[in-house]
Amino acid sequence: MAAADPAVKPPHPPRVAWRLQMRERVLEEAWTLAAQNGWDRVRVADLAERSEVSRPSIYKEFGDRAGVGQALVERETERFLTRLAAVLDSSGGDVAGALRRGVAHTLDEGRRNPFIRAVLTAARGGTDALLPFLTSRPDPVFSSARELLSAWLTDAVPDAGQARREEAADLAVRLTLSHMLLPVPGQGDVSERVTRAVCAVLNH
């Protein structure tokens, strides 16, 4: 008998598979409603109706409405960082070029992705409750993006020193997020400006 391929994961037990499918349905509906109307107008009752999942099941899985929001942000963060890592890794050794493409990709996501656009638009008006998940709560987008960039810089610019790399990663994320939240018309090529600042910190 041939040995099982360790790369092929066995199927989930039916109960676990149902839970994962239920969780994904709820998050998909939460994504759609938040993109359309903003997170402040998303209600558990609406999620239950649209996803065909009972409210007790939603509360059991996520805890409360805020738990749904945190799970949604965590899912979107993972998807975003996966794409950002691919952009950075396609640099072919061109550090400045990779940084420019990474910043441009991030800004484009803010304009293209309806969920991110809705969060940013509402945040500019001071109304959206999802923004804290993106910036200040445990394991937010900010911290995760900074860790990703710092790890990438460790391989890309090993001679810069850890302190410089961490400072550069922090600066890149702060500047990019600032431009996403408060875009200024006619400010020129933001990706180029951010890259120059980061490269100056790296002395690269």
Foldseek 3Di string as FASTA:
>chain_A
DDDDDPVDDDDDDPVVVVLVLLLVLLLVVCLVCCLVPNNVPDDLVVSCVRSVHDSVSVCVVQVHSVSSLLVNQVVVLVVLVVVLLVLLVVCPLPNLVSQLSSLVSVLVCCVPPSNNVSQLVVVLVPHHPSVCQQPPDPPHSLVVQLVSQLVSCCVNPVPLDSVLSSVLSNQLSVQSVVCSNDPDPPPPRSSNVSSVVSCVSSVD
